[in-house]
Amino acid sequence: MAVTKSDKQGIIEKFANKKEDTGSAEVQIAILTAKIENLKEHLAEHKKDNHSRRWIMIMVAKRRKMLAYLKKKNQEKYEEVIAALEIRK
């Protein structure tokens, strides 16, 4: 099951800094996390799907870079995002 438009809209409303904010690091990290969780469920069922495994690794690397950027720019916002998404540092 893919991340739907309504799922994305809910994520944007929760993590946006201001109205119509879709490009901030917090929103992008949250959307990537939802996509990663979705792919993790898919890979649990389809263990030999190496194409999806490759894309999950790419998304995890992109999220890690965005988290590093957010930590450098705004430490307290970084802590909030980590706690809200329940991901490791």
C-alpha atoms as a PDB file:
ATOM      1  CA  MET A   1       0.000   0.000   0.000  1.00  0.00           C
ATOM      2  CA  ALA A   2       1.490   3.298  -1.099  1.00  0.00           C
ATOM      3  CA  VAL A   3       1.480   6.563   0.798  1.00  0.00           C
ATOM      4  CA  THR A   4      -1.691   8.233  -0.445  1.00  0.00           C
ATOM      5  CA  LYS A   5      -2.355  11.887  -1.090  1.00  0.00           C
ATOM      6  CA  SER A   6      -4.495  12.130   2.049  1.00  0.00           C
ATOM      7  CA  ASP A   7      -1.687  10.531   4.100  1.00  0.00           C
ATOM      8  CA  LYS A   8       0.743  13.122   2.753  1.00  0.00           C
ATOM      9  CA  GLN A   9      -1.705  15.929   3.501  1.00  0.00           C
ATOM     10  CA  GLY A  10      -1.994  14.762   7.111  1.00  0.00           C
ATOM     11  CA  ILE A  11       1.792  14.619   7.446  1.00  0.00           C
ATOM     12  CA  ILE A  12       2.143  18.103   5.960  1.00  0.00           C
ATOM     13  CA  GLU A  13      -0.443  19.532   8.379  1.00  0.00           C
ATOM     14  CA  LYS A  14       1.340  17.955  11.344  1.00  0.00           C
ATOM     15  CA  PHE A  15       4.908  18.990  10.515  1.00  0.00           C
ATOM     16  CA  ALA A  16       4.501  22.228   8.519  1.00  0.00           C
ATOM     17  CA  ASN A  17       6.069  25.399   9.902  1.00  0.00           C
ATOM     18  CA  LYS A  18       3.417  27.587   8.275  1.00  0.00           C
ATOM     19  CA  LYS A  19       0.377  27.166   6.041  1.00  0.00           C
ATOM     20  CA  GLU A  20       1.120  25.627   2.622  1.00  0.00           C
ATOM     21  CA  ASP A  21       4.590  24.516   3.764  1.00  0.00           C
ATOM     22  CA  THR A  22       5.526  21.389   1.812  1.00  0.00           C
ATOM     23  CA  GLY A  23       9.236  21.845   1.265  1.00  0.00           C
ATOM     24  CA  SER A  24      10.687  22.274   4.734  1.00  0.00           C
ATOM     25  CA  ALA A  25      13.115  19.660   5.973  1.00  0.00           C
ATOM     26  CA  GLU A  26      10.701  18.527   8.690  1.00  0.00           C
ATOM     27  CA  VAL A  27       7.936  17.771   6.192  1.00  0.00           C
ATOM     28  CA  GLN A  28      10.275  16.041   3.762  1.00  0.00           C
ATOM     29  CA  ILE A  29      11.723  13.870   6.541  1.00  0.00           C
ATOM     30  CA  ALA A  30       8.232  12.893   7.715  1.00  0.00           C
ATOM     31  CA  ILE A  31       7.089  11.959   4.204  1.00  0.00           C
ATOM     32  CA  LEU A  32      10.244   9.929   3.606  1.00  0.00           C
ATOM     33  CA  THR A  33       9.691   8.132   6.908  1.00  0.00           C
ATOM     34  CA  ALA A  34       6.154   7.186   5.847  1.00  0.00           C
ATOM     35  CA  LYS A  35       7.455   5.859   2.523  1.00  0.00           C
ATOM     36  CA  ILE A  36      10.219   3.908   4.274  1.00  0.00           C
ATOM     37  CA  GLU A  37       7.736   2.314   6.672  1.00  0.00           C
ATOM     38  CA  ASN A  38       5.551   1.363   3.722  1.00  0.00           C
ATOM     39  CA  LEU A  39       8.473  -0.281   1.920  1.00  0.00           C
ATOM     40  CA  LYS A  40       9.534  -2.103   5.102  1.00  0.00           C
ATOM     41  CA  GLU A  41       6.124  -3.773   5.213  1.00  0.00           C
ATOM     42  CA  HIS A  42       6.427  -4.690   1.537  1.00  0.00           C
ATOM     43  CA  LEU A  43       9.905  -6.165   2.014  1.00  0.00           C
ATOM     44  CA  ALA A  44       8.742  -8.254   4.968  1.00  0.00           C
ATOM     45  CA  GLU A  45       6.365 -10.025   2.621  1.00  0.00           C
ATOM     46  CA  HIS A  46       8.556 -10.023  -0.524  1.00  0.00           C
ATOM     47  CA  LYS A  47      12.022 -10.888   0.738  1.00  0.00           C
ATOM     48  CA  LYS A  48      13.643 -11.228  -2.701  1.00  0.00           C
ATOM     49  CA  ASP A  49      12.487  -7.878  -4.083  1.00  0.00           C
ATOM     50  CA  ASN A  50      15.924  -6.345  -4.527  1.00  0.00           C
ATOM     51  CA  HIS A  51      14.658  -3.399  -6.558  1.00  0.00           C
ATOM     52  CA  SER A  52      12.578  -2.159  -3.621  1.00  0.00           C
ATOM     53  CA  ARG A  53      15.438  -2.937  -1.237  1.00  0.00           C
ATOM     54  CA  ARG A  54      17.673  -0.621  -3.265  1.00  0.00           C
ATOM     55  CA  TRP A  55      15.117   2.200  -3.131  1.00  0.00           C
ATOM     56  CA  ILE A  56      14.620   1.862   0.595  1.00  0.00           C
ATOM     57  CA  MET A  57      18.388   2.247   1.057  1.00  0.00           C
ATOM     58  CA  ILE A  58      18.364   5.370  -1.134  1.00  0.00           C
ATOM     59  CA  MET A  59      15.486   6.876   0.872  1.00  0.00           C
ATOM     60  CA  VAL A  60      17.159   6.085   4.207  1.00  0.00           C
ATOM     61  CA  ALA A  61      20.357   7.799   3.021  1.00  0.00           C
ATOM     62  CA  LYS A  62      18.396  10.855   1.854  1.00  0.00           C
ATOM     63  CA  ARG A  63      16.548  11.040   5.183  1.00  0.00           C
ATOM     64  CA  ARG A  64      19.842  10.747   7.071  1.00  0.00           C
ATOM     65  CA  LYS A  65      21.292  13.675   5.100  1.00  0.00           C
ATOM     66  CA  MET A  66      18.197  15.786   5.760  1.00  0.00           C
ATOM     67  CA  LEU A  67      18.334  14.963   9.467  1.00  0.00           C
ATOM     68  CA  ALA A  68      21.991  16.013   9.563  1.00  0.00           C
ATOM     69  CA  TYR A  69      21.057  19.307   7.886  1.00  0.00           C
ATOM     70  CA  LEU A  70      18.206  19.908  10.324  1.00  0.00           C
ATOM     71  CA  LYS A  71      20.434  19.116  13.298  1.00  0.00           C
ATOM     72  CA  LYS A  72      23.014  21.621  12.068  1.00  0.00           C
ATOM     73  CA  LYS A  73      20.425  24.361  11.458  1.00  0.00           C
ATOM     74  CA  ASN A  74      17.973  23.870  14.338  1.00  0.00           C
ATOM     75  CA  GLN A  75      18.864  21.411  17.118  1.00  0.00           C
ATOM     76  CA  GLU A  76      15.573  21.701  19.023  1.00  0.00           C
ATOM     77  CA  LYS A  77      13.447  21.151  15.892  1.00  0.00           C
ATOM     78  CA  TYR A  78      15.630  18.117  15.128  1.00  0.00           C
ATOM     79  CA  GLU A  79      14.871  16.658  18.564  1.00  0.00           C
ATOM     80  CA  GLU A  80      11.135  17.285  18.075  1.00  0.00           C
ATOM     81  CA  VAL A  81      11.093  15.546  14.692  1.00  0.00           C
ATOM     82  CA  ILE A  82      13.066  12.543  16.007  1.00  0.00           C
ATOM     83  CA  ALA A  83      10.655  12.158  18.924  1.00  0.00           C
ATOM     84  CA  ALA A  84       7.504  12.612  16.810  1.00  0.00           C
ATOM     85  CA  LEU A  85       8.585  10.088  14.160  1.00  0.00           C
ATOM     86  CA  GLU A  86      10.061   7.670  16.708  1.00  0.00           C
ATOM     87  CA  ILE A  87      13.296   7.145  14.798  1.00  0.00           C
ATOM     88  CA  ARG A  88      16.783   6.645  16.118  1.00  0.00           C
ATOM     89  CA  LYS A  89      19.419   9.340  16.108  1.00  0.00           C
END
